[in-house]
Amino acid sequence: MIEISGLSKKYDKTVALDKVDLTIPTGICFGLVGPNGAGKSTLMKILAGILKEFDGKVSLYDQGEPSLGYVPQDICLEETVSAQANMNFFGRVYGLKGKELQERQQLIFEDIGLSERAKSKVTTYSGGMKRRLNIGCALLHSPEIVIMDEPTVGVDPQSRRHIFELIRKLKQEGKTIIYASHYMEEIEGLCDYVAFIDRGKVVEQGSIEELLTRYAGSGVFIKGELPDDFLDNEEVFQKDGGFVIKTEKPLEKLAFLAKKCEIEGVEPNQLSLMQPRLEDVFFSLTGTELRDKSA
């Protein structure tokens, strides 16, 4: 168990983290969700031991020094040499050598889908391939804890698939993965637990199933040219150019709205049940959609 209590960090007068409390169970994929600039990267750099000066307590370092693999948001590779040369460098940093290093390299190149390009210079790689290699270098020493900061930013669909498959394999191996992203669909598909962080504060945390049940109520989504009074007396909020009608009986509400459209001659572009999503939980907690601002 990783325990974080009262964690605060300032850059001059800017508050990056404000009394953060988190509990991260071992052996799971723990998602950190929030907009760019929310404090995710600062938190992960503290967990990785890169930032040493902060207020509060991180129990990770009170229990000895677990092996860590850190995947930064910025790609850290030497692009003028081959992928294999990069692996050799990081392997030696982690204390690997000889046959052990060769065997780990071979396994990692297979996991990231780059075995056939191991001897190619990194300058010839696409952005997604560089991302995969960046992740692979952090996994050479088979770390107990893997910290991944926005690992799919700007990647192509093929690379994203490789990354997701690799994360699922790490979960099966019992690794603890801390995965930061502002892509809700990734967190829903990969993570077991999640914490929402916004403006340096953790606004909620728990299992994804628990949070969806607690905050993202069922509803019906309708989109199109509607009369001004069409949704009077309904509890609604705007989303994706349409409206979500909150209700505890979504099937009945869907049938009611369909009948109402028929009677009033309204032809909506979309009328459907709304499945609870993490993005709706975030909206419920913060009152805003995920912002995509600079860090």
C-alpha atoms as a PDB file:
ATOM      1  CA  MET A   1       0.000   0.000   0.000  1.00  0.00           C
ATOM      2  CA  ILE A   2       1.299   3.451  -0.960  1.00  0.00           C
ATOM      3  CA  GLU A   3       0.086   6.137   1.440  1.00  0.00           C
ATOM      4  CA  ILE A   4       0.289   9.843   0.613  1.00  0.00           C
ATOM      5  CA  SER A   5      -0.817  12.338   3.243  1.00  0.00           C
ATOM      6  CA  GLY A   6      -0.829  16.136   3.314  1.00  0.00           C
ATOM      7  CA  LEU A   7       1.337  16.349   0.198  1.00  0.00           C
ATOM      8  CA  SER A   8       1.898  19.939  -0.938  1.00  0.00           C
ATOM      9  CA  LYS A   9       4.250  21.473  -3.469  1.00  0.00           C
ATOM     10  CA  LYS A  10       4.786  25.068  -4.604  1.00  0.00           C
ATOM     11  CA  TYR A  11       6.766  26.550  -7.479  1.00  0.00           C
ATOM     12  CA  ASP A  12       7.456  30.077  -6.234  1.00  0.00           C
ATOM     13  CA  LYS A  13       3.928  31.373  -5.610  1.00  0.00           C
ATOM     14  CA  THR A  14       2.181  28.743  -7.744  1.00  0.00           C
ATOM     15  CA  VAL A  15       0.537  25.924  -5.784  1.00  0.00           C
ATOM     16  CA  ALA A  16       0.969  22.690  -7.768  1.00  0.00           C
ATOM     17  CA  LEU A  17      -0.293  20.326  -5.056  1.00  0.00           C
ATOM     18  CA  ASP A  18      -2.443  21.314  -2.108  1.00  0.00           C
ATOM     19  CA  LYS A  19      -2.591  18.860   0.834  1.00  0.00           C
ATOM     20  CA  VAL A  20      -3.093  15.754  -1.287  1.00  0.00           C
ATOM     21  CA  ASP A  21      -4.166  12.553   0.480  1.00  0.00           C
ATOM     22  CA  LEU A  22      -4.104   9.317  -1.532  1.00  0.00           C
ATOM     23  CA  THR A  23      -4.158   5.596  -0.884  1.00  0.00           C
ATOM     24  CA  ILE A  24      -2.829   3.394  -3.699  1.00  0.00           C
ATOM     25  CA  PRO A  25      -3.256  -0.379  -3.261  1.00  0.00           C
ATOM     26  CA  THR A  26      -0.403  -2.514  -4.549  1.00  0.00           C
ATOM     27  CA  GLY A  27      -0.811  -4.793  -7.556  1.00  0.00           C
ATOM     28  CA  ILE A  28      -3.388  -2.655  -9.361  1.00  0.00           C
ATOM     29  CA  CYS A  29      -3.508  -0.002 -12.056  1.00  0.00           C
ATOM     30  CA  PHE A  30      -4.272   3.299 -10.334  1.00  0.00           C
ATOM     31  CA  GLY A  31      -5.444   6.144 -12.543  1.00  0.00           C
ATOM     32  CA  LEU A  32      -4.779   9.830 -11.943  1.00  0.00           C
ATOM     33  CA  VAL A  33      -7.343  11.839 -13.880  1.00  0.00           C
ATOM     34  CA  GLY A  34      -7.306  15.559 -14.400  1.00  0.00           C
ATOM     35  CA  PRO A  35      -6.793  18.320 -16.929  1.00  0.00           C
ATOM     36  CA  ASN A  36      -3.373  19.500 -18.004  1.00  0.00           C
ATOM     37  CA  GLY A  37      -1.958  21.677 -15.255  1.00  0.00           C
ATOM     38  CA  ALA A  38      -3.899  19.937 -12.478  1.00  0.00           C
ATOM     39  CA  GLY A  39      -0.771  18.688 -10.676  1.00  0.00           C
ATOM     40  CA  LYS A  40      -0.533  15.112 -11.985  1.00  0.00           C
ATOM     41  CA  SER A  41       3.035  15.386 -13.299  1.00  0.00           C
ATOM     42  CA  THR A  42       4.272  17.035 -10.103  1.00  0.00           C
ATOM     43  CA  LEU A  43       2.745  14.247  -8.031  1.00  0.00           C
ATOM     44  CA  MET A  44       4.340  11.572 -10.204  1.00  0.00           C
ATOM     45  CA  LYS A  45       7.765  13.217 -10.073  1.00  0.00           C
ATOM     46  CA  ILE A  46       7.543  13.184  -6.284  1.00  0.00           C
ATOM     47  CA  LEU A  47       6.588   9.495  -6.300  1.00  0.00           C
ATOM     48  CA  ALA A  48       9.475   8.764  -8.667  1.00  0.00           C
ATOM     49  CA  GLY A  49      11.924  10.541  -6.364  1.00  0.00           C
ATOM     50  CA  ILE A  50      12.765  13.249  -8.878  1.00  0.00           C
ATOM     51  CA  LEU A  51      11.372  16.083  -6.760  1.00  0.00           C
ATOM     52  CA  LYS A  52      12.835  15.871  -3.272  1.00  0.00           C
ATOM     53  CA  GLU A  53      11.508  19.054  -1.698  1.00  0.00           C
ATOM     54  CA  PHE A  54       7.850  18.961  -0.682  1.00  0.00           C
ATOM     55  CA  ASP A  55       5.629  19.119   2.357  1.00  0.00           C
ATOM     56  CA  GLY A  56       3.733  16.097   3.608  1.00  0.00           C
ATOM     57  CA  LYS A  57       4.468  12.398   3.685  1.00  0.00           C
ATOM     58  CA  VAL A  58       4.870   9.640   1.095  1.00  0.00           C
ATOM     59  CA  SER A  59       5.053   6.228   2.782  1.00  0.00           C
ATOM     60  CA  LEU A  60       6.627   4.674  -0.302  1.00  0.00           C
ATOM     61  CA  TYR A  61      10.024   5.756   0.976  1.00  0.00           C
ATOM     62  CA  ASP A  62       9.364   4.737   4.581  1.00  0.00           C
ATOM     63  CA  GLN A  63       9.220   1.080   3.504  1.00  0.00           C
ATOM     64  CA  GLY A  64      12.619   0.823   1.865  1.00  0.00           C
ATOM     65  CA  GLU A  65      13.407   1.545  -1.762  1.00  0.00           C
ATOM     66  CA  PRO A  66      11.105  -0.397  -4.112  1.00  0.00           C
ATOM     67  CA  SER A  67      12.217  -0.769  -7.704  1.00  0.00           C
ATOM     68  CA  LEU A  68      10.638   1.957  -9.822  1.00  0.00           C
ATOM     69  CA  GLY A  69      10.118   2.433 -13.528  1.00  0.00           C
ATOM     70  CA  TYR A  70       9.328   6.014 -14.488  1.00  0.00           C
ATOM     71  CA  VAL A  71       7.892   6.938 -17.895  1.00  0.00           C
ATOM     72  CA  PRO A  72       7.959  10.754 -18.168  1.00  0.00           C
ATOM     73  CA  GLN A  73       5.587  12.778 -20.287  1.00  0.00           C
ATOM     74  CA  ASP A  74       8.516  14.044 -22.365  1.00  0.00           C
ATOM     75  CA  ILE A  75      10.376  11.407 -24.381  1.00  0.00           C
ATOM     76  CA  CYS A  76      13.880  10.822 -22.967  1.00  0.00           C
ATOM     77  CA  LEU A  77      15.859   9.051 -25.668  1.00  0.00           C
ATOM     78  CA  GLU A  78      19.095   9.626 -27.563  1.00  0.00           C
ATOM     79  CA  GLU A  79      17.772   9.747 -31.113  1.00  0.00           C
ATOM     80  CA  THR A  80      21.103   9.723 -32.966  1.00  0.00           C
ATOM     81  CA  VAL A  81      21.773   6.088 -32.001  1.00  0.00           C
ATOM     82  CA  SER A  82      19.805   2.862 -32.274  1.00  0.00           C
ATOM     83  CA  ALA A  83      16.961   1.719 -30.057  1.00  0.00           C
ATOM     84  CA  GLN A  84      19.218  -1.101 -28.885  1.00  0.00           C
ATOM     85  CA  ALA A  85      21.891   1.398 -27.842  1.00  0.00           C
ATOM     86  CA  ASN A  86      19.294   3.277 -25.816  1.00  0.00           C
ATOM     87  CA  MET A  87      18.268   0.032 -24.144  1.00  0.00           C
ATOM     88  CA  ASN A  88      21.921  -0.766 -23.363  1.00  0.00           C
ATOM     89  CA  PHE A  89      22.368   2.613 -21.697  1.00  0.00           C
ATOM     90  CA  PHE A  90      19.271   2.369 -19.517  1.00  0.00           C
ATOM     91  CA  GLY A  91      20.034  -1.261 -18.709  1.00  0.00           C
ATOM     92  CA  ARG A  92      23.469  -0.307 -17.354  1.00  0.00           C
ATOM     93  CA  VAL A  93      21.868   2.503 -15.328  1.00  0.00           C
ATOM     94  CA  TYR A  94      19.658  -0.136 -13.702  1.00  0.00           C
ATOM     95  CA  GLY A  95      22.663  -2.394 -13.049  1.00  0.00           C
ATOM     96  CA  LEU A  96      21.949  -4.941 -15.777  1.00  0.00           C
ATOM     97  CA  LYS A  97      24.706  -6.413 -17.910  1.00  0.00           C
ATOM     98  CA  GLY A  98      25.715  -9.379 -19.996  1.00  0.00           C
ATOM     99  CA  LYS A  99      23.245 -12.171 -20.671  1.00  0.00           C
ATOM    100  CA  GLU A 100      20.661 -10.778 -18.266  1.00  0.00           C
ATOM    101  CA  LEU A 101      20.564  -7.459 -20.123  1.00  0.00           C
ATOM    102  CA  GLN A 102      20.334  -9.192 -23.518  1.00  0.00           C
ATOM    103  CA  GLU A 103      17.454 -11.408 -22.381  1.00  0.00           C
ATOM    104  CA  ARG A 104      15.536  -8.490 -20.875  1.00  0.00           C
ATOM    105  CA  GLN A 105      16.082  -6.416 -24.029  1.00  0.00           C
ATOM    106  CA  GLN A 106      14.750  -9.175 -26.242  1.00  0.00           C
ATOM    107  CA  LEU A 107      11.662  -9.604 -24.075  1.00  0.00           C
ATOM    108  CA  ILE A 108      10.955  -5.874 -23.882  1.00  0.00           C
ATOM    109  CA  PHE A 109      11.385  -5.338 -27.628  1.00  0.00           C
ATOM    110  CA  GLU A 110       8.812  -8.108 -28.178  1.00  0.00           C
ATOM    111  CA  ASP A 111       6.427  -6.554 -25.662  1.00  0.00           C
ATOM    112  CA  ILE A 112       6.578  -3.120 -27.308  1.00  0.00           C
ATOM    113  CA  GLY A 113       6.400  -4.567 -30.839  1.00  0.00           C
ATOM    114  CA  LEU A 114       9.762  -3.222 -32.028  1.00  0.00           C
ATOM    115  CA  SER A 115      11.897  -6.359 -32.358  1.00  0.00           C
ATOM    116  CA  GLU A 116      12.410  -5.838 -36.089  1.00  0.00           C
ATOM    117  CA  ARG A 117      13.474  -2.217 -35.566  1.00  0.00           C
ATOM    118  CA  ALA A 118      15.815  -2.718 -32.611  1.00  0.00           C
ATOM    119  CA  LYS A 119      18.925  -1.773 -34.587  1.00  0.00           C
ATOM    120  CA  SER A 120      17.343   1.237 -36.337  1.00  0.00           C
ATOM    121  CA  LYS A 121      18.261   4.738 -35.253  1.00  0.00           C
ATOM    122  CA  VAL A 122      15.586   6.373 -33.151  1.00  0.00           C
ATOM    123  CA  THR A 123      15.515   9.298 -35.622  1.00  0.00           C
ATOM    124  CA  THR A 124      13.774   6.936 -38.048  1.00  0.00           C
ATOM    125  CA  TYR A 125      11.022   6.105 -35.560  1.00  0.00           C
ATOM    126  CA  SER A 126       7.523   7.557 -35.633  1.00  0.00           C
ATOM    127  CA  GLY A 127       6.251   9.425 -32.584  1.00  0.00           C
ATOM    128  CA  GLY A 128       4.307   6.389 -31.404  1.00  0.00           C
ATOM    129  CA  MET A 129       7.328   4.103 -31.754  1.00  0.00           C
ATOM    130  CA  LYS A 130       9.411   6.507 -29.677  1.00  0.00           C
ATOM    131  CA  ARG A 131       6.727   6.443 -27.008  1.00  0.00           C
ATOM    132  CA  ARG A 132       6.835   2.642 -26.945  1.00  0.00           C
ATOM    133  CA  LEU A 133      10.624   2.607 -26.716  1.00  0.00           C
ATOM    134  CA  ASN A 134      10.482   5.203 -23.941  1.00  0.00           C
ATOM    135  CA  ILE A 135       8.195   2.879 -21.982  1.00  0.00           C
ATOM    136  CA  GLY A 136      10.346  -0.150 -22.737  1.00  0.00           C
ATOM    137  CA  CYS A 137      13.463   1.506 -21.324  1.00  0.00           C
ATOM    138  CA  ALA A 138      11.646   2.057 -18.014  1.00  0.00           C
ATOM    139  CA  LEU A 139      10.707  -1.636 -17.781  1.00  0.00           C
ATOM    140  CA  LEU A 140      14.106  -3.227 -18.379  1.00  0.00           C
ATOM    141  CA  HIS A 141      14.758  -3.979 -14.696  1.00  0.00           C
ATOM    142  CA  SER A 142      11.254  -5.421 -14.126  1.00  0.00           C
ATOM    143  CA  PRO A 143      10.253  -2.747 -11.591  1.00  0.00           C
ATOM    144  CA  GLU A 144       7.708  -3.366  -8.849  1.00  0.00           C
ATOM    145  CA  ILE A 145       6.092   0.050  -9.401  1.00  0.00           C
ATOM    146  CA  VAL A 146       5.605   1.579 -12.857  1.00  0.00           C
ATOM    147  CA  ILE A 147       4.812   5.297 -13.035  1.00  0.00           C
ATOM    148  CA  MET A 148       3.424   6.417 -16.410  1.00  0.00           C
ATOM    149  CA  ASP A 149       2.783  10.095 -17.110  1.00  0.00           C
ATOM    150  CA  GLU A 150       0.514  10.618 -20.162  1.00  0.00           C
ATOM    151  CA  PRO A 151       2.131   7.721 -22.085  1.00  0.00           C
ATOM    152  CA  THR A 152      -0.232   7.891 -25.086  1.00  0.00           C
ATOM    153  CA  VAL A 153      -0.014  11.604 -25.923  1.00  0.00           C
ATOM    154  CA  GLY A 154       0.234  12.002 -29.692  1.00  0.00           C
ATOM    155  CA  VAL A 155       0.517   8.292 -30.506  1.00  0.00           C
ATOM    156  CA  ASP A 156      -1.012   6.445 -33.442  1.00  0.00           C
ATOM    157  CA  PRO A 157      -3.693   3.746 -32.967  1.00  0.00           C
ATOM    158  CA  GLN A 158      -1.208   0.895 -33.460  1.00  0.00           C
ATOM    159  CA  SER A 159       1.132   2.225 -30.774  1.00  0.00           C
ATOM    160  CA  ARG A 160      -1.783   2.869 -28.419  1.00  0.00           C
ATOM    161  CA  ARG A 161      -2.858  -0.763 -28.821  1.00  0.00           C
ATOM    162  CA  HIS A 162       0.688  -1.986 -28.019  1.00  0.00           C
ATOM    163  CA  ILE A 163       0.814   0.231 -24.930  1.00  0.00           C
ATOM    164  CA  PHE A 164      -2.558  -0.987 -23.672  1.00  0.00           C
ATOM    165  CA  GLU A 165      -1.594  -4.635 -24.172  1.00  0.00           C
ATOM    166  CA  LEU A 166       1.656  -4.030 -22.301  1.00  0.00           C
ATOM    167  CA  ILE A 167      -0.166  -2.431 -19.361  1.00  0.00           C
ATOM    168  CA  ARG A 168      -2.573  -5.375 -19.154  1.00  0.00           C
ATOM    169  CA  LYS A 169       0.410  -7.738 -19.095  1.00  0.00           C
ATOM    170  CA  LEU A 170       2.015  -5.741 -16.279  1.00  0.00           C
ATOM    171  CA  LYS A 171      -1.245  -5.995 -14.317  1.00  0.00           C
ATOM    172  CA  GLN A 172      -1.277  -9.770 -14.787  1.00  0.00           C
ATOM    173  CA  GLU A 173       2.289  -9.869 -13.420  1.00  0.00           C
ATOM    174  CA  GLY A 174       1.122  -8.109 -10.256  1.00  0.00           C
ATOM    175  CA  LYS A 175       2.916  -4.824 -10.861  1.00  0.00           C
ATOM    176  CA  THR A 176       1.617  -1.616  -9.325  1.00  0.00           C
ATOM    177  CA  ILE A 177       0.939   0.878 -12.119  1.00  0.00           C
ATOM    178  CA  ILE A 178       0.264   4.563 -11.554  1.00  0.00           C
ATOM    179  CA  TYR A 179      -1.203   5.912 -14.775  1.00  0.00           C
ATOM    180  CA  ALA A 180      -1.836   9.627 -15.331  1.00  0.00           C
ATOM    181  CA  SER A 181      -4.059  10.810 -18.162  1.00  0.00           C
ATOM    182  CA  HIS A 182      -6.818  13.218 -19.087  1.00  0.00           C
ATOM    183  CA  TYR A 183      -8.252  10.652 -21.524  1.00  0.00           C
ATOM    184  CA  MET A 184     -11.185   9.193 -19.596  1.00  0.00           C
ATOM    185  CA  GLU A 185     -11.708   6.245 -21.937  1.00  0.00           C
ATOM    186  CA  GLU A 186      -8.159   5.038 -21.244  1.00  0.00           C
ATOM    187  CA  ILE A 187      -8.650   5.200 -17.491  1.00  0.00           C
ATOM    188  CA  GLU A 188     -11.971   3.342 -17.723  1.00  0.00           C
ATOM    189  CA  GLY A 189     -10.435   0.601 -19.858  1.00  0.00           C
ATOM    190  CA  LEU A 190      -7.183   0.092 -17.944  1.00  0.00           C
ATOM    191  CA  CYS A 191      -7.511   1.144 -14.317  1.00  0.00           C
ATOM    192  CA  ASP A 192      -9.031  -0.455 -11.236  1.00  0.00           C
ATOM    193  CA  TYR A 193      -8.958   2.584  -8.971  1.00  0.00           C
ATOM    194  CA  VAL A 194      -8.921   6.261  -9.843  1.00  0.00           C
ATOM    195  CA  ALA A 195      -8.332   9.638  -8.224  1.00  0.00           C
ATOM    196  CA  PHE A 196      -9.642  12.891  -9.679  1.00  0.00           C
ATOM    197  CA  ILE A 197      -7.226  15.762  -9.277  1.00  0.00           C
ATOM    198  CA  ASP A 198      -8.054  19.361 -10.170  1.00  0.00           C
ATOM    199  CA  ARG A 199      -6.147  22.562  -9.382  1.00  0.00           C
ATOM    200  CA  GLY A 200      -3.746  20.662  -7.160  1.00  0.00           C
ATOM    201  CA  LYS A 201      -6.423  18.994  -5.024  1.00  0.00           C
ATOM    202  CA  VAL A 202      -7.787  15.458  -5.004  1.00  0.00           C
ATOM    203  CA  VAL A 203     -11.547  15.889  -5.264  1.00  0.00           C
ATOM    204  CA  GLU A 204     -12.439  12.178  -5.039  1.00  0.00           C
ATOM    205  CA  GLN A 205     -10.911   8.695  -5.206  1.00  0.00           C
ATOM    206  CA  GLY A 206     -12.095   5.095  -5.198  1.00  0.00           C
ATOM    207  CA  SER A 207     -12.789   2.139  -7.459  1.00  0.00           C
ATOM    208  CA  ILE A 208     -14.181   3.046 -10.875  1.00  0.00           C
ATOM    209  CA  GLU A 209     -17.309   0.947 -10.294  1.00  0.00           C
ATOM    210  CA  GLU A 210     -17.916   2.658  -6.949  1.00  0.00           C
ATOM    211  CA  LEU A 211     -17.519   6.169  -8.358  1.00  0.00           C
ATOM    212  CA  LEU A 212     -19.753   5.478 -11.353  1.00  0.00           C
ATOM    213  CA  THR A 213     -22.456   4.154  -9.049  1.00  0.00           C
ATOM    214  CA  ARG A 214     -22.154   7.051  -6.616  1.00  0.00           C
ATOM    215  CA  TYR A 215     -21.947  10.018  -8.965  1.00  0.00           C
ATOM    216  CA  ALA A 216     -22.875   9.184 -12.553  1.00  0.00           C
ATOM    217  CA  GLY A 217     -26.613   8.669 -12.410  1.00  0.00           C
ATOM    218  CA  SER A 218     -28.549   7.123 -15.249  1.00  0.00           C
ATOM    219  CA  GLY A 219     -30.177   9.325 -17.844  1.00  0.00           C
ATOM    220  CA  VAL A 220     -31.346   9.918 -21.409  1.00  0.00           C
ATOM    221  CA  PHE A 221     -29.495  11.931 -24.031  1.00  0.00           C
ATOM    222  CA  ILE A 222     -31.340  13.996 -26.645  1.00  0.00           C
ATOM    223  CA  LYS A 223     -29.848  16.151 -29.364  1.00  0.00           C
ATOM    224  CA  GLY A 224     -31.412  18.226 -32.125  1.00  0.00           C
ATOM    225  CA  GLU A 225     -33.586  21.291 -32.764  1.00  0.00           C
ATOM    226  CA  LEU A 226     -35.994  21.272 -29.830  1.00  0.00           C
ATOM    227  CA  PRO A 227     -38.760  23.764 -28.962  1.00  0.00           C
ATOM    228  CA  ASP A 228     -37.793  26.138 -26.149  1.00  0.00           C
ATOM    229  CA  ASP A 229     -40.211  24.548 -23.699  1.00  0.00           C
ATOM    230  CA  PHE A 230     -39.640  20.937 -24.748  1.00  0.00           C
ATOM    231  CA  LEU A 231     -37.568  20.029 -21.676  1.00  0.00           C
ATOM    232  CA  ASP A 232     -39.415  22.168 -19.143  1.00  0.00           C
ATOM    233  CA  ASN A 233     -39.791  20.463 -15.755  1.00  0.00           C
ATOM    234  CA  GLU A 234     -36.901  18.130 -16.536  1.00  0.00           C
ATOM    235  CA  GLU A 235     -33.584  17.994 -14.651  1.00  0.00           C
ATOM    236  CA  VAL A 236     -31.081  18.498 -17.471  1.00  0.00           C
ATOM    237  CA  PHE A 237     -27.527  19.572 -18.232  1.00  0.00           C
ATOM    238  CA  GLN A 238     -25.853  20.270 -21.560  1.00  0.00           C
ATOM    239  CA  LYS A 239     -23.358  17.813 -23.014  1.00  0.00           C
ATOM    240  CA  ASP A 240     -21.836  17.271 -26.476  1.00  0.00           C
ATOM    241  CA  GLY A 241     -24.229  19.701 -28.144  1.00  0.00           C
ATOM    242  CA  GLY A 242     -27.311  18.101 -26.632  1.00  0.00           C
ATOM    243  CA  PHE A 243     -29.022  17.586 -23.303  1.00  0.00           C
ATOM    244  CA  VAL A 244     -28.847  14.881 -20.654  1.00  0.00           C
ATOM    245  CA  ILE A 245     -32.066  14.303 -18.696  1.00  0.00           C
ATOM    246  CA  LYS A 246     -31.335  12.786 -15.300  1.00  0.00           C
ATOM    247  CA  THR A 247     -33.737  10.070 -14.206  1.00  0.00           C
ATOM    248  CA  GLU A 248     -33.846   6.970 -12.032  1.00  0.00           C
ATOM    249  CA  LYS A 249     -36.052   5.251 -14.637  1.00  0.00           C
ATOM    250  CA  PRO A 250     -34.224   5.789 -17.941  1.00  0.00           C
ATOM    251  CA  LEU A 251     -36.287   3.324 -20.003  1.00  0.00           C
ATOM    252  CA  GLU A 252     -39.547   4.972 -18.993  1.00  0.00           C
ATOM    253  CA  LYS A 253     -38.121   8.434 -19.656  1.00  0.00           C
ATOM    254  CA  LEU A 254     -36.830   7.331 -23.073  1.00  0.00           C
ATOM    255  CA  ALA A 255     -40.287   6.019 -24.019  1.00  0.00           C
ATOM    256  CA  PHE A 256     -41.921   9.215 -22.725  1.00  0.00           C
ATOM    257  CA  LEU A 257     -39.615  11.486 -24.753  1.00  0.00           C
ATOM    258  CA  ALA A 258     -40.035   9.360 -27.878  1.00  0.00           C
ATOM    259  CA  LYS A 259     -43.823   9.671 -27.569  1.00  0.00           C
ATOM    260  CA  LYS A 260     -43.542  13.398 -26.894  1.00  0.00           C
ATOM    261  CA  CYS A 261     -41.402  13.848 -30.018  1.00  0.00           C
ATOM    262  CA  GLU A 262     -44.006  11.998 -32.058  1.00  0.00           C
ATOM    263  CA  ILE A 263     -46.912  14.105 -30.718  1.00  0.00           C
ATOM    264  CA  GLU A 264     -45.133  17.441 -31.158  1.00  0.00           C
ATOM    265  CA  GLY A 265     -43.557  16.573 -34.513  1.00  0.00           C
ATOM    266  CA  VAL A 266     -39.989  16.842 -33.218  1.00  0.00           C
ATOM    267  CA  GLU A 267     -37.312  14.804 -35.007  1.00  0.00           C
ATOM    268  CA  PRO A 268     -34.202  14.664 -32.769  1.00  0.00           C
ATOM    269  CA  ASN A 269     -30.812  13.870 -34.254  1.00  0.00           C
ATOM    270  CA  GLN A 270     -30.209  11.500 -31.365  1.00  0.00           C
ATOM    271  CA  LEU A 271     -32.346  10.057 -28.577  1.00  0.00           C
ATOM    272  CA  SER A 272     -30.663   7.353 -26.516  1.00  0.00           C
ATOM    273  CA  LEU A 273     -29.891   5.946 -23.090  1.00  0.00           C
ATOM    274  CA  MET A 274     -26.800   7.474 -21.518  1.00  0.00           C
ATOM    275  CA  GLN A 275     -24.312   5.092 -19.965  1.00  0.00           C
ATOM    276  CA  PRO A 276     -22.523   6.434 -16.864  1.00  0.00           C
ATOM    277  CA  ARG A 277     -18.982   7.560 -17.719  1.00  0.00           C
ATOM    278  CA  LEU A 278     -16.048   8.836 -15.683  1.00  0.00           C
ATOM    279  CA  GLU A 279     -16.254  12.142 -17.506  1.00  0.00           C
ATOM    280  CA  ASP A 280     -19.734  12.601 -16.036  1.00  0.00           C
ATOM    281  CA  VAL A 281     -18.327  11.870 -12.565  1.00  0.00           C
ATOM    282  CA  PHE A 282     -15.660  14.532 -13.056  1.00  0.00           C
ATOM    283  CA  PHE A 283     -18.304  17.007 -14.204  1.00  0.00           C
ATOM    284  CA  SER A 284     -20.469  16.187 -11.209  1.00  0.00           C
ATOM    285  CA  LEU A 285     -17.566  16.826  -8.820  1.00  0.00           C
ATOM    286  CA  THR A 286     -16.043  19.931 -10.397  1.00  0.00           C
ATOM    287  CA  GLY A 287     -18.847  21.460 -12.463  1.00  0.00           C
ATOM    288  CA  THR A 288     -16.547  21.625 -15.512  1.00  0.00           C
ATOM    289  CA  GLU A 289     -15.493  19.479 -18.420  1.00  0.00           C
ATOM    290  CA  LEU A 290     -11.873  18.361 -18.524  1.00  0.00           C
ATOM    291  CA  ARG A 291      -9.834  21.387 -19.518  1.00  0.00           C
ATOM    292  CA  ASP A 292      -7.016  20.952 -21.998  1.00  0.00           C
ATOM    293  CA  LYS A 293      -4.768  23.798 -20.986  1.00  0.00           C
ATOM    294  CA  SER A 294      -1.030  24.055 -20.820  1.00  0.00           C
ATOM    295  CA  ALA A 295       0.641  22.609 -17.735  1.00  0.00           C
END
